[in-house]
Amino acid sequence: MKLIAGNSNPALAKSMAEYLGTSLCETAMRRFSDDEIFLEIGENVRGQDVFLVQSTSQPANENIMELLVALDALKRASARRITAVIPYFGYARQDRKPGPRTPITAKLVANLITSAGADRVLSIDLHAGQIQGFFDIPVDHLYSRPVFVNDITEHAKNKENIVVVSPDVGGVVRARSLATRLHADLAIVDKRRDRANHSEVMNIIGDIAGRDCILIDDIIDTAGTMCNAAEALMKNGAASVTAYATHGVLSGPAVERISKSVLNELVVTDSIAATNAVASCKKIRRIGIAPLLGEAVKRISEETSVSSLFE
């Protein structure tokens, strides 16, 4: 097995290597004066089972291009099998045509990754489940649920008072799954979105009065939806609100909004490398998913079950 790190999240790749008891493969990536990317792999990978770790987070286009260049290099170096480990899959929110003459960019990115030489893909909490079908190669789709369950169980003051809340109707399945594992009740925030990155809370479905609310989502970007939902929950009598999200994109005004919000805490995984602003925000806590990804990598390499991780 060979583990290679892209530039998007080297800390996560290093943690995965430590979990697996191995070291990262030597690579040299540099840019020409016109910003063209050049990559050279410093070790022999011929006939090897190679795992390339690269989140396609901000800057998404650069990280996607780095991923494609690395895949091509590995393919031309005669790697036996190449698995693209993409903890955060960028462009995942463009998974359908919202109107006429618009692209389905998630499908385009899937085509590029396949054409560049990936034999399989490993990702966690894809924004839309159908993205697995955009690939013509095997996709191992992991869930952050076990990590969140352990963290909530460890930090909850009163487990009997927890209610899991979906910030919108589209996230009900995700919230119900977490609630089932925690043996907790479920509530839903009914929102209306009139434009991109802007939403308004209309109703709260479920009993949240006096309860400790756990807001759960897959992606938190500008944090408008999460902060609005938290404010609505507190106005309707919630005792406290803590938010969990797998992918902390946290772009634009997100960190400032979270700092000023009624949220007790926002917990995100390290699927995306933290900026200085995120790392310095006292209301944002990051938890590691390297053991989950590392165990999946180990099982893929050994040709054993990945799905049993979640049983």
C-alpha atoms as a PDB file:
ATOM      1  CA  MET A   1       0.000   0.000   0.000  1.00  0.00           C
ATOM      2  CA  LYS A   2       1.139   3.549  -0.795  1.00  0.00           C
ATOM      3  CA  LEU A   3      -0.448   6.668   0.717  1.00  0.00           C
ATOM      4  CA  ILE A   4       0.028   9.981  -1.084  1.00  0.00           C
ATOM      5  CA  ALA A   5      -1.065  13.422   0.125  1.00  0.00           C
ATOM      6  CA  GLY A   6      -2.184  16.308  -2.028  1.00  0.00           C
ATOM      7  CA  ASN A   7      -1.802  19.902  -0.881  1.00  0.00           C
ATOM      8  CA  SER A   8      -5.421  20.448   0.177  1.00  0.00           C
ATOM      9  CA  ASN A   9      -5.224  18.736   3.573  1.00  0.00           C
ATOM     10  CA  PRO A  10      -1.763  17.307   4.368  1.00  0.00           C
ATOM     11  CA  ALA A  11      -2.494  17.200   8.127  1.00  0.00           C
ATOM     12  CA  LEU A  12      -5.378  14.762   7.615  1.00  0.00           C
ATOM     13  CA  ALA A  13      -3.266  12.586   5.311  1.00  0.00           C
ATOM     14  CA  LYS A  14      -0.479  12.528   7.907  1.00  0.00           C
ATOM     15  CA  SER A  15      -2.930  11.466  10.621  1.00  0.00           C
ATOM     16  CA  MET A  16      -4.216   8.684   8.362  1.00  0.00           C
ATOM     17  CA  ALA A  17      -0.652   7.497   7.785  1.00  0.00           C
ATOM     18  CA  GLU A  18      -0.046   7.420  11.542  1.00  0.00           C
ATOM     19  CA  TYR A  19      -3.226   5.379  12.058  1.00  0.00           C
ATOM     20  CA  LEU A  20      -2.124   2.921   9.371  1.00  0.00           C
ATOM     21  CA  GLY A  21       1.409   2.711  10.733  1.00  0.00           C
ATOM     22  CA  THR A  22       2.970   3.837   7.479  1.00  0.00           C
ATOM     23  CA  SER A  23       4.527   6.959   6.001  1.00  0.00           C
ATOM     24  CA  LEU A  24       3.403   9.243   3.223  1.00  0.00           C
ATOM     25  CA  CYS A  25       4.939   8.674  -0.181  1.00  0.00           C
ATOM     26  CA  GLU A  26       7.428  11.330  -1.235  1.00  0.00           C
ATOM     27  CA  THR A  27       6.112  13.769  -3.822  1.00  0.00           C
ATOM     28  CA  ALA A  28       7.335  17.028  -5.277  1.00  0.00           C
ATOM     29  CA  MET A  29       4.685  19.440  -6.487  1.00  0.00           C
ATOM     30  CA  ARG A  30       5.579  22.836  -7.840  1.00  0.00           C
ATOM     31  CA  ARG A  31       4.148  25.505 -10.089  1.00  0.00           C
ATOM     32  CA  PHE A  32       5.583  27.157 -13.132  1.00  0.00           C
ATOM     33  CA  SER A  33       5.557  30.950 -13.414  1.00  0.00           C
ATOM     34  CA  ASP A  34       2.156  30.832 -15.150  1.00  0.00           C
ATOM     35  CA  ASP A  35       0.726  28.688 -12.294  1.00  0.00           C
ATOM     36  CA  GLU A  36       0.751  25.411 -14.226  1.00  0.00           C
ATOM     37  CA  ILE A  37       1.025  22.463 -11.832  1.00  0.00           C
ATOM     38  CA  PHE A  38       3.876  19.951 -12.049  1.00  0.00           C
ATOM     39  CA  LEU A  39       4.041  16.797  -9.937  1.00  0.00           C
ATOM     40  CA  GLU A  40       6.733  14.176  -9.524  1.00  0.00           C
ATOM     41  CA  ILE A  41       6.305  11.070  -7.371  1.00  0.00           C
ATOM     42  CA  GLY A  42       9.533  10.275  -5.542  1.00  0.00           C
ATOM     43  CA  GLU A  43       8.934   6.544  -4.978  1.00  0.00           C
ATOM     44  CA  ASN A  44       8.270   3.520  -7.136  1.00  0.00           C
ATOM     45  CA  VAL A  45       4.534   2.782  -7.315  1.00  0.00           C
ATOM     46  CA  ARG A  46       4.562   0.177 -10.076  1.00  0.00           C
ATOM     47  CA  GLY A  47       2.120  -2.597  -9.183  1.00  0.00           C
ATOM     48  CA  GLN A  48       1.179  -0.882  -5.893  1.00  0.00           C
ATOM     49  CA  ASP A  49      -2.203  -0.240  -4.301  1.00  0.00           C
ATOM     50  CA  VAL A  50      -2.135   3.567  -4.093  1.00  0.00           C
ATOM     51  CA  PHE A  51      -4.415   5.870  -2.076  1.00  0.00           C
ATOM     52  CA  LEU A  52      -4.347   9.552  -3.003  1.00  0.00           C
ATOM     53  CA  VAL A  53      -5.776  11.889  -0.323  1.00  0.00           C
ATOM     54  CA  GLN A  54      -7.099  15.190  -1.647  1.00  0.00           C
ATOM     55  CA  SER A  55     -10.167  17.171  -0.585  1.00  0.00           C
ATOM     56  CA  THR A  56     -11.515  19.343  -3.390  1.00  0.00           C
ATOM     57  CA  SER A  57     -12.250  22.234  -1.050  1.00  0.00           C
ATOM     58  CA  GLN A  58     -11.432  25.911  -1.461  1.00  0.00           C
ATOM     59  CA  PRO A  59      -9.686  26.781  -3.761  1.00  0.00           C
ATOM     60  CA  ALA A  60     -11.795  24.063  -5.411  1.00  0.00           C
ATOM     61  CA  ASN A  61     -10.552  24.459  -8.962  1.00  0.00           C
ATOM     62  CA  GLU A  62      -6.876  24.337  -7.996  1.00  0.00           C
ATOM     63  CA  ASN A  63      -7.363  21.330  -5.728  1.00  0.00           C
ATOM     64  CA  ILE A  64      -9.336  19.476  -8.400  1.00  0.00           C
ATOM     65  CA  MET A  65      -6.581  20.133 -10.933  1.00  0.00           C
ATOM     66  CA  GLU A  66      -3.935  18.904  -8.471  1.00  0.00           C
ATOM     67  CA  LEU A  67      -5.996  15.736  -7.968  1.00  0.00           C
ATOM     68  CA  LEU A  68      -6.271  15.130 -11.724  1.00  0.00           C
ATOM     69  CA  VAL A  69      -2.550  15.720 -12.313  1.00  0.00           C
ATOM     70  CA  ALA A  70      -1.630  13.331  -9.496  1.00  0.00           C
ATOM     71  CA  LEU A  71      -4.015  10.656 -10.821  1.00  0.00           C
ATOM     72  CA  ASP A  72      -2.478  10.934 -14.275  1.00  0.00           C
ATOM     73  CA  ALA A  73       1.032  10.660 -12.831  1.00  0.00           C
ATOM     74  CA  LEU A  74       0.114   7.510 -10.896  1.00  0.00           C
ATOM     75  CA  LYS A  75      -1.598   5.932 -13.892  1.00  0.00           C
ATOM     76  CA  ARG A  76       1.440   6.560 -16.095  1.00  0.00           C
ATOM     77  CA  ALA A  77       3.683   5.160 -13.347  1.00  0.00           C
ATOM     78  CA  SER A  78       1.808   1.822 -13.633  1.00  0.00           C
ATOM     79  CA  ALA A  79       0.165   1.778 -10.205  1.00  0.00           C
ATOM     80  CA  ARG A  80      -1.913  -1.404  -9.900  1.00  0.00           C
ATOM     81  CA  ARG A  81      -4.940   0.342  -8.394  1.00  0.00           C
ATOM     82  CA  ILE A  82      -5.529   4.027  -7.646  1.00  0.00           C
ATOM     83  CA  THR A  83      -8.090   5.068  -5.048  1.00  0.00           C
ATOM     84  CA  ALA A  84      -8.951   8.763  -4.891  1.00  0.00           C
ATOM     85  CA  VAL A  85      -9.643   9.521  -1.220  1.00  0.00           C
ATOM     86  CA  ILE A  86     -11.758  12.694  -1.387  1.00  0.00           C
ATOM     87  CA  PRO A  87     -13.001  13.484   2.138  1.00  0.00           C
ATOM     88  CA  TYR A  88     -14.832  16.578   0.870  1.00  0.00           C
ATOM     89  CA  PHE A  89     -16.169  16.339  -2.688  1.00  0.00           C
ATOM     90  CA  GLY A  90     -16.370  19.842  -4.144  1.00  0.00           C
ATOM     91  CA  TYR A  91     -19.173  20.869  -6.530  1.00  0.00           C
ATOM     92  CA  ALA A  92     -21.405  18.285  -4.804  1.00  0.00           C
ATOM     93  CA  ARG A  93     -24.186  20.860  -4.428  1.00  0.00           C
ATOM     94  CA  GLN A  94     -24.429  21.118  -8.212  1.00  0.00           C
ATOM     95  CA  ASP A  95     -25.950  17.651  -8.544  1.00  0.00           C
ATOM     96  CA  ARG A  96     -28.985  18.573 -10.683  1.00  0.00           C
ATOM     97  CA  LYS A  97     -30.228  21.129 -13.188  1.00  0.00           C
ATOM     98  CA  PRO A  98     -31.900  23.912 -11.158  1.00  0.00           C
ATOM     99  CA  GLY A  99     -33.046  25.606 -14.351  1.00  0.00           C
ATOM    100  CA  PRO A 100     -32.654  25.627 -18.122  1.00  0.00           C
ATOM    101  CA  ARG A 101     -29.174  25.880 -19.653  1.00  0.00           C
ATOM    102  CA  THR A 102     -27.399  25.019 -16.382  1.00  0.00           C
ATOM    103  CA  PRO A 103     -24.722  22.335 -15.824  1.00  0.00           C
ATOM    104  CA  ILE A 104     -24.613  19.298 -13.557  1.00  0.00           C
ATOM    105  CA  THR A 105     -21.078  20.029 -12.428  1.00  0.00           C
ATOM    106  CA  ALA A 106     -20.861  17.198  -9.907  1.00  0.00           C
ATOM    107  CA  LYS A 107     -21.234  14.755 -12.812  1.00  0.00           C
ATOM    108  CA  LEU A 108     -18.593  16.641 -14.814  1.00  0.00           C
ATOM    109  CA  VAL A 109     -16.097  16.408 -11.938  1.00  0.00           C
ATOM    110  CA  ALA A 110     -16.864  12.686 -11.549  1.00  0.00           C
ATOM    111  CA  ASN A 111     -16.129  12.183 -15.258  1.00  0.00           C
ATOM    112  CA  LEU A 112     -12.823  14.059 -14.965  1.00  0.00           C
ATOM    113  CA  ILE A 113     -11.690  11.963 -11.982  1.00  0.00           C
ATOM    114  CA  THR A 114     -12.563   8.734 -13.775  1.00  0.00           C
ATOM    115  CA  SER A 115     -10.882   9.785 -17.024  1.00  0.00           C
ATOM    116  CA  ALA A 116      -7.746  10.896 -15.169  1.00  0.00           C
ATOM    117  CA  GLY A 117      -7.166   7.333 -13.957  1.00  0.00           C
ATOM    118  CA  ALA A 118      -8.938   6.690 -10.651  1.00  0.00           C
ATOM    119  CA  ASP A 119     -10.013   3.065 -10.176  1.00  0.00           C
ATOM    120  CA  ARG A 120     -12.247   3.789  -7.187  1.00  0.00           C
ATOM    121  CA  VAL A 121     -13.296   6.687  -4.959  1.00  0.00           C
ATOM    122  CA  LEU A 122     -13.539   6.950  -1.184  1.00  0.00           C
ATOM    123  CA  SER A 123     -15.498   9.883   0.248  1.00  0.00           C
ATOM    124  CA  ILE A 124     -17.470  10.814   3.342  1.00  0.00           C
ATOM    125  CA  ASP A 125     -20.975  12.306   3.610  1.00  0.00           C
ATOM    126  CA  LEU A 126     -21.560  13.214  -0.015  1.00  0.00           C
ATOM    127  CA  HIS A 127     -24.060  16.062  -0.218  1.00  0.00           C
ATOM    128  CA  ALA A 128     -26.343  13.975  -2.428  1.00  0.00           C
ATOM    129  CA  GLY A 129     -26.394  10.177  -2.437  1.00  0.00           C
ATOM    130  CA  GLN A 130     -26.950  10.008  -6.190  1.00  0.00           C
ATOM    131  CA  ILE A 131     -23.420  11.358  -6.761  1.00  0.00           C
ATOM    132  CA  GLN A 132     -22.234   7.778  -6.230  1.00  0.00           C
ATOM    133  CA  GLY A 133     -24.021   6.951  -9.483  1.00  0.00           C
ATOM    134  CA  PHE A 134     -22.209   9.745 -11.324  1.00  0.00           C
ATOM    135  CA  PHE A 135     -19.060   7.600 -11.257  1.00  0.00           C
ATOM    136  CA  ASP A 136     -18.546   4.605 -13.531  1.00  0.00           C
ATOM    137  CA  ILE A 137     -16.117   3.160 -10.975  1.00  0.00           C
ATOM    138  CA  PRO A 138     -16.741   1.808  -7.431  1.00  0.00           C
ATOM    139  CA  VAL A 139     -17.467   4.418  -4.748  1.00  0.00           C
ATOM    140  CA  ASP A 140     -17.087   3.749  -1.025  1.00  0.00           C
ATOM    141  CA  HIS A 141     -19.326   6.247   0.770  1.00  0.00           C
ATOM    142  CA  LEU A 142     -18.544   6.711   4.462  1.00  0.00           C
ATOM    143  CA  TYR A 143     -20.681   8.427   7.112  1.00  0.00           C
ATOM    144  CA  SER A 144     -19.523  10.643   9.959  1.00  0.00           C
ATOM    145  CA  ARG A 145     -22.400   9.406  12.145  1.00  0.00           C
ATOM    146  CA  PRO A 146     -20.266   7.107  14.371  1.00  0.00           C
ATOM    147  CA  VAL A 147     -17.794   9.924  15.031  1.00  0.00           C
ATOM    148  CA  PHE A 148     -20.588  12.334  15.942  1.00  0.00           C
ATOM    149  CA  VAL A 149     -22.385   9.807  18.145  1.00  0.00           C
ATOM    150  CA  ASN A 150     -19.218   9.216  20.157  1.00  0.00           C
ATOM    151  CA  ASP A 151     -18.540  12.944  20.512  1.00  0.00           C
ATOM    152  CA  ILE A 152     -22.110  13.813  21.534  1.00  0.00           C
ATOM    153  CA  THR A 153     -22.193  10.950  24.038  1.00  0.00           C
ATOM    154  CA  GLU A 154     -18.928  12.154  25.535  1.00  0.00           C
ATOM    155  CA  HIS A 155     -19.868  15.833  25.816  1.00  0.00           C
ATOM    156  CA  ALA A 156     -23.623  15.765  26.507  1.00  0.00           C
ATOM    157  CA  LYS A 157     -24.500  16.822  30.062  1.00  0.00           C
ATOM    158  CA  ASN A 158     -27.953  15.235  29.996  1.00  0.00           C
ATOM    159  CA  LYS A 159     -28.393  12.600  27.291  1.00  0.00           C
ATOM    160  CA  GLU A 160     -32.075  12.187  28.109  1.00  0.00           C
ATOM    161  CA  ASN A 161     -32.764  15.837  27.242  1.00  0.00           C
ATOM    162  CA  ILE A 162     -31.270  15.765  23.721  1.00  0.00           C
ATOM    163  CA  VAL A 163     -33.351  16.363  20.609  1.00  0.00           C
ATOM    164  CA  VAL A 164     -31.725  16.073  17.168  1.00  0.00           C
ATOM    165  CA  VAL A 165     -32.792  18.824  14.768  1.00  0.00           C
ATOM    166  CA  SER A 166     -32.570  18.925  10.981  1.00  0.00           C
ATOM    167  CA  PRO A 167     -31.972  22.512   9.759  1.00  0.00           C
ATOM    168  CA  ASP A 168     -34.169  21.823   6.714  1.00  0.00           C
ATOM    169  CA  VAL A 169     -36.525  19.204   5.317  1.00  0.00           C
ATOM    170  CA  GLY A 170     -33.832  17.844   2.988  1.00  0.00           C
ATOM    171  CA  GLY A 171     -31.671  16.731   5.925  1.00  0.00           C
ATOM    172  CA  VAL A 172     -34.346  14.732   7.743  1.00  0.00           C
ATOM    173  CA  VAL A 173     -32.904  11.321   6.812  1.00  0.00           C
ATOM    174  CA  ARG A 174     -29.493  12.333   8.167  1.00  0.00           C
ATOM    175  CA  ALA A 175     -30.986  13.737  11.377  1.00  0.00           C
ATOM    176  CA  ARG A 176     -33.250  10.707  11.901  1.00  0.00           C
ATOM    177  CA  SER A 177     -30.285   8.360  11.560  1.00  0.00           C
ATOM    178  CA  LEU A 178     -28.361  10.255  14.235  1.00  0.00           C
ATOM    179  CA  ALA A 179     -31.421  10.478  16.495  1.00  0.00           C
ATOM    180  CA  THR A 180     -31.941   6.719  16.223  1.00  0.00           C
ATOM    181  CA  ARG A 181     -28.357   6.036  17.302  1.00  0.00           C
ATOM    182  CA  LEU A 182     -28.678   8.453  20.226  1.00  0.00           C
ATOM    183  CA  HIS A 183     -32.188   7.193  21.170  1.00  0.00           C
ATOM    184  CA  ALA A 184     -33.295  10.828  20.958  1.00  0.00           C
ATOM    185  CA  ASP A 185     -36.315  12.691  19.604  1.00  0.00           C
ATOM    186  CA  LEU A 186     -36.349  14.416  16.221  1.00  0.00           C
ATOM    187  CA  ALA A 187     -37.350  17.957  15.211  1.00  0.00           C
ATOM    188  CA  ILE A 188     -37.269  19.787  11.872  1.00  0.00           C
ATOM    189  CA  VAL A 189     -36.709  23.429  10.955  1.00  0.00           C
ATOM    190  CA  ASP A 190     -38.920  24.460   8.052  1.00  0.00           C
ATOM    191  CA  LYS A 191     -37.068  27.110   6.037  1.00  0.00           C
ATOM    192  CA  ARG A 192     -37.505  28.951   2.779  1.00  0.00           C
ATOM    193  CA  ARG A 193     -34.557  29.832   0.562  1.00  0.00           C
ATOM    194  CA  ASP A 194     -35.198  32.803  -1.732  1.00  0.00           C
ATOM    195  CA  ARG A 195     -31.646  33.022  -3.073  1.00  0.00           C
ATOM    196  CA  ALA A 196     -28.257  31.303  -2.768  1.00  0.00           C
ATOM    197  CA  ASN A 197     -26.740  31.323   0.742  1.00  0.00           C
ATOM    198  CA  HIS A 198     -29.813  33.007   2.228  1.00  0.00           C
ATOM    199  CA  SER A 199     -32.693  31.374   4.067  1.00  0.00           C
ATOM    200  CA  GLU A 200     -35.546  32.309   6.403  1.00  0.00           C
ATOM    201  CA  VAL A 201     -36.940  30.058   9.131  1.00  0.00           C
ATOM    202  CA  MET A 202     -40.696  29.631   8.909  1.00  0.00           C
ATOM    203  CA  ASN A 203     -41.692  26.937  11.433  1.00  0.00           C
ATOM    204  CA  ILE A 204     -40.290  24.479  13.983  1.00  0.00           C
ATOM    205  CA  ILE A 205     -41.754  20.995  13.687  1.00  0.00           C
ATOM    206  CA  GLY A 206     -41.383  19.048  16.923  1.00  0.00           C
ATOM    207  CA  ASP A 207     -41.126  19.683  20.669  1.00  0.00           C
ATOM    208  CA  ILE A 208     -37.907  21.536  21.506  1.00  0.00           C
ATOM    209  CA  ALA A 209     -38.999  23.575  24.555  1.00  0.00           C
ATOM    210  CA  GLY A 210     -36.483  23.169  27.365  1.00  0.00           C
ATOM    211  CA  ARG A 211     -34.461  20.667  25.329  1.00  0.00           C
ATOM    212  CA  ASP A 212     -30.763  20.562  24.368  1.00  0.00           C
ATOM    213  CA  CYS A 213     -30.882  20.751  20.569  1.00  0.00           C
ATOM    214  CA  ILE A 214     -28.296  19.106  18.304  1.00  0.00           C
ATOM    215  CA  LEU A 215     -28.410  20.668  14.832  1.00  0.00           C
ATOM    216  CA  ILE A 216     -26.920  18.293  12.236  1.00  0.00           C
ATOM    217  CA  ASP A 217     -25.903  18.976   8.625  1.00  0.00           C
ATOM    218  CA  ASP A 218     -23.394  17.681   6.090  1.00  0.00           C
ATOM    219  CA  ILE A 219     -21.982  21.037   4.921  1.00  0.00           C
ATOM    220  CA  ILE A 220     -21.787  24.401   6.657  1.00  0.00           C
ATOM    221  CA  ASP A 221     -20.717  27.111   4.223  1.00  0.00           C
ATOM    222  CA  THR A 222     -21.656  30.709   5.043  1.00  0.00           C
ATOM    223  CA  ALA A 223     -23.415  29.499   8.243  1.00  0.00           C
ATOM    224  CA  GLY A 224     -26.571  31.515   7.537  1.00  0.00           C
ATOM    225  CA  THR A 225     -28.903  28.505   7.649  1.00  0.00           C
ATOM    226  CA  MET A 226     -27.356  27.081  10.824  1.00  0.00           C
ATOM    227  CA  CYS A 227     -27.281  30.392  12.710  1.00  0.00           C
ATOM    228  CA  ASN A 228     -30.858  31.273  11.699  1.00  0.00           C
ATOM    229  CA  ALA A 229     -32.055  27.838  12.769  1.00  0.00           C
ATOM    230  CA  ALA A 230     -30.260  28.127  16.115  1.00  0.00           C
ATOM    231  CA  GLU A 231     -31.834  31.533  16.759  1.00  0.00           C
ATOM    232  CA  ALA A 232     -35.301  30.212  15.902  1.00  0.00           C
ATOM    233  CA  LEU A 233     -34.837  27.239  18.244  1.00  0.00           C
ATOM    234  CA  MET A 234     -33.810  29.474  21.139  1.00  0.00           C
ATOM    235  CA  LYS A 235     -36.760  31.826  20.507  1.00  0.00           C
ATOM    236  CA  ASN A 236     -39.056  28.795  20.675  1.00  0.00           C
ATOM    237  CA  GLY A 237     -37.767  27.774  24.092  1.00  0.00           C
ATOM    238  CA  ALA A 238     -34.759  25.509  23.494  1.00  0.00           C
ATOM    239  CA  ALA A 239     -32.396  25.238  26.470  1.00  0.00           C
ATOM    240  CA  SER A 240     -29.275  25.164  24.272  1.00  0.00           C
ATOM    241  CA  VAL A 241     -28.214  24.620  20.666  1.00  0.00           C
ATOM    242  CA  THR A 242     -25.067  22.843  19.473  1.00  0.00           C
ATOM    243  CA  ALA A 243     -24.363  22.299  15.786  1.00  0.00           C
ATOM    244  CA  TYR A 244     -22.550  19.427  14.077  1.00  0.00           C
ATOM    245  CA  ALA A 245     -21.464  19.406  10.420  1.00  0.00           C
ATOM    246  CA  THR A 246     -19.195  17.027   8.561  1.00  0.00           C
ATOM    247  CA  HIS A 247     -17.626  19.538   6.199  1.00  0.00           C
ATOM    248  CA  GLY A 248     -16.698  22.961   7.550  1.00  0.00           C
ATOM    249  CA  VAL A 249     -16.413  24.994   4.360  1.00  0.00           C
ATOM    250  CA  LEU A 250     -16.929  28.159   6.435  1.00  0.00           C
ATOM    251  CA  SER A 251     -16.517  30.729   3.682  1.00  0.00           C
ATOM    252  CA  GLY A 252     -17.282  34.449   3.612  1.00  0.00           C
ATOM    253  CA  PRO A 253     -18.903  35.729   6.830  1.00  0.00           C
ATOM    254  CA  ALA A 254     -19.268  32.254   8.383  1.00  0.00           C
ATOM    255  CA  VAL A 255     -16.786  32.572  11.256  1.00  0.00           C
ATOM    256  CA  GLU A 256     -18.078  36.008  12.266  1.00  0.00           C
ATOM    257  CA  ARG A 257     -21.676  34.775  12.162  1.00  0.00           C
ATOM    258  CA  ILE A 258     -20.871  31.770  14.341  1.00  0.00           C
ATOM    259  CA  SER A 259     -18.972  33.920  16.843  1.00  0.00           C
ATOM    260  CA  LYS A 260     -21.984  36.215  17.244  1.00  0.00           C
ATOM    261  CA  SER A 261     -24.613  33.457  17.141  1.00  0.00           C
ATOM    262  CA  VAL A 262     -26.555  31.829  19.966  1.00  0.00           C
ATOM    263  CA  LEU A 263     -24.820  28.525  19.243  1.00  0.00           C
ATOM    264  CA  ASN A 264     -23.018  26.983  22.193  1.00  0.00           C
ATOM    265  CA  GLU A 265     -20.587  25.350  19.806  1.00  0.00           C
ATOM    266  CA  LEU A 266     -20.089  24.256  16.228  1.00  0.00           C
ATOM    267  CA  VAL A 267     -18.358  20.899  15.794  1.00  0.00           C
ATOM    268  CA  VAL A 268     -16.894  20.019  12.387  1.00  0.00           C
ATOM    269  CA  THR A 269     -14.575  17.277  11.185  1.00  0.00           C
ATOM    270  CA  ASP A 270     -11.130  17.897   9.718  1.00  0.00           C
ATOM    271  CA  SER A 271     -12.224  16.821   6.210  1.00  0.00           C
ATOM    272  CA  ILE A 272     -11.272  20.379   5.177  1.00  0.00           C
ATOM    273  CA  ALA A 273      -8.104  22.071   6.400  1.00  0.00           C
ATOM    274  CA  ALA A 274      -8.813  24.871   8.881  1.00  0.00           C
ATOM    275  CA  THR A 275      -8.029  28.485   8.069  1.00  0.00           C
ATOM    276  CA  ASN A 276      -6.477  30.728  10.724  1.00  0.00           C
ATOM    277  CA  ALA A 277      -9.867  32.333  11.369  1.00  0.00           C
ATOM    278  CA  VAL A 278     -11.509  28.947  11.944  1.00  0.00           C
ATOM    279  CA  ALA A 279      -8.687  27.724  14.174  1.00  0.00           C
ATOM    280  CA  SER A 280      -8.881  30.849  16.348  1.00  0.00           C
ATOM    281  CA  CYS A 281     -12.685  30.863  16.769  1.00  0.00           C
ATOM    282  CA  LYS A 282     -13.558  29.698  20.293  1.00  0.00           C
ATOM    283  CA  LYS A 283     -17.011  28.479  19.234  1.00  0.00           C
ATOM    284  CA  ILE A 284     -15.658  26.106  16.568  1.00  0.00           C
ATOM    285  CA  ARG A 285     -14.239  22.725  17.558  1.00  0.00           C
ATOM    286  CA  ARG A 286     -12.751  20.236  15.102  1.00  0.00           C
ATOM    287  CA  ILE A 287     -12.732  16.459  15.529  1.00  0.00           C
ATOM    288  CA  GLY A 288     -10.605  13.995  13.596  1.00  0.00           C
ATOM    289  CA  ILE A 289     -11.858  11.508  11.007  1.00  0.00           C
ATOM    290  CA  ALA A 290      -8.439  10.022  10.239  1.00  0.00           C
ATOM    291  CA  PRO A 291      -9.223   6.754  12.129  1.00  0.00           C
ATOM    292  CA  LEU A 292     -12.459   6.313  10.144  1.00  0.00           C
ATOM    293  CA  LEU A 293     -10.806   7.036   6.793  1.00  0.00           C
ATOM    294  CA  GLY A 294      -7.701   5.053   7.732  1.00  0.00           C
ATOM    295  CA  GLU A 295      -9.737   1.994   8.688  1.00  0.00           C
ATOM    296  CA  ALA A 296     -11.652   2.233   5.401  1.00  0.00           C
ATOM    297  CA  VAL A 297      -8.375   2.456   3.469  1.00  0.00           C
ATOM    298  CA  LYS A 298      -7.073  -0.600   5.318  1.00  0.00           C
ATOM    299  CA  ARG A 299     -10.210  -2.605   4.533  1.00  0.00           C
ATOM    300  CA  ILE A 300     -10.189  -1.606   0.866  1.00  0.00           C
ATOM    301  CA  SER A 301      -6.549  -2.661   0.594  1.00  0.00           C
ATOM    302  CA  GLU A 302      -7.286  -5.971   2.326  1.00  0.00           C
ATOM    303  CA  GLU A 303     -10.463  -6.520   0.247  1.00  0.00           C
ATOM    304  CA  THR A 304     -12.658  -6.744   3.358  1.00  0.00           C
ATOM    305  CA  SER A 305     -16.028  -5.130   4.135  1.00  0.00           C
ATOM    306  CA  VAL A 306     -16.218  -1.349   4.497  1.00  0.00           C
ATOM    307  CA  SER A 307     -19.959  -1.249   5.181  1.00  0.00           C
ATOM    308  CA  SER A 308     -19.491  -3.259   8.386  1.00  0.00           C
ATOM    309  CA  LEU A 309     -17.869  -0.135   9.865  1.00  0.00           C
ATOM    310  CA  PHE A 310     -21.370   1.234  10.355  1.00  0.00           C
ATOM    311  CA  GLU A 311     -23.190  -1.828  11.632  1.00  0.00           C
END
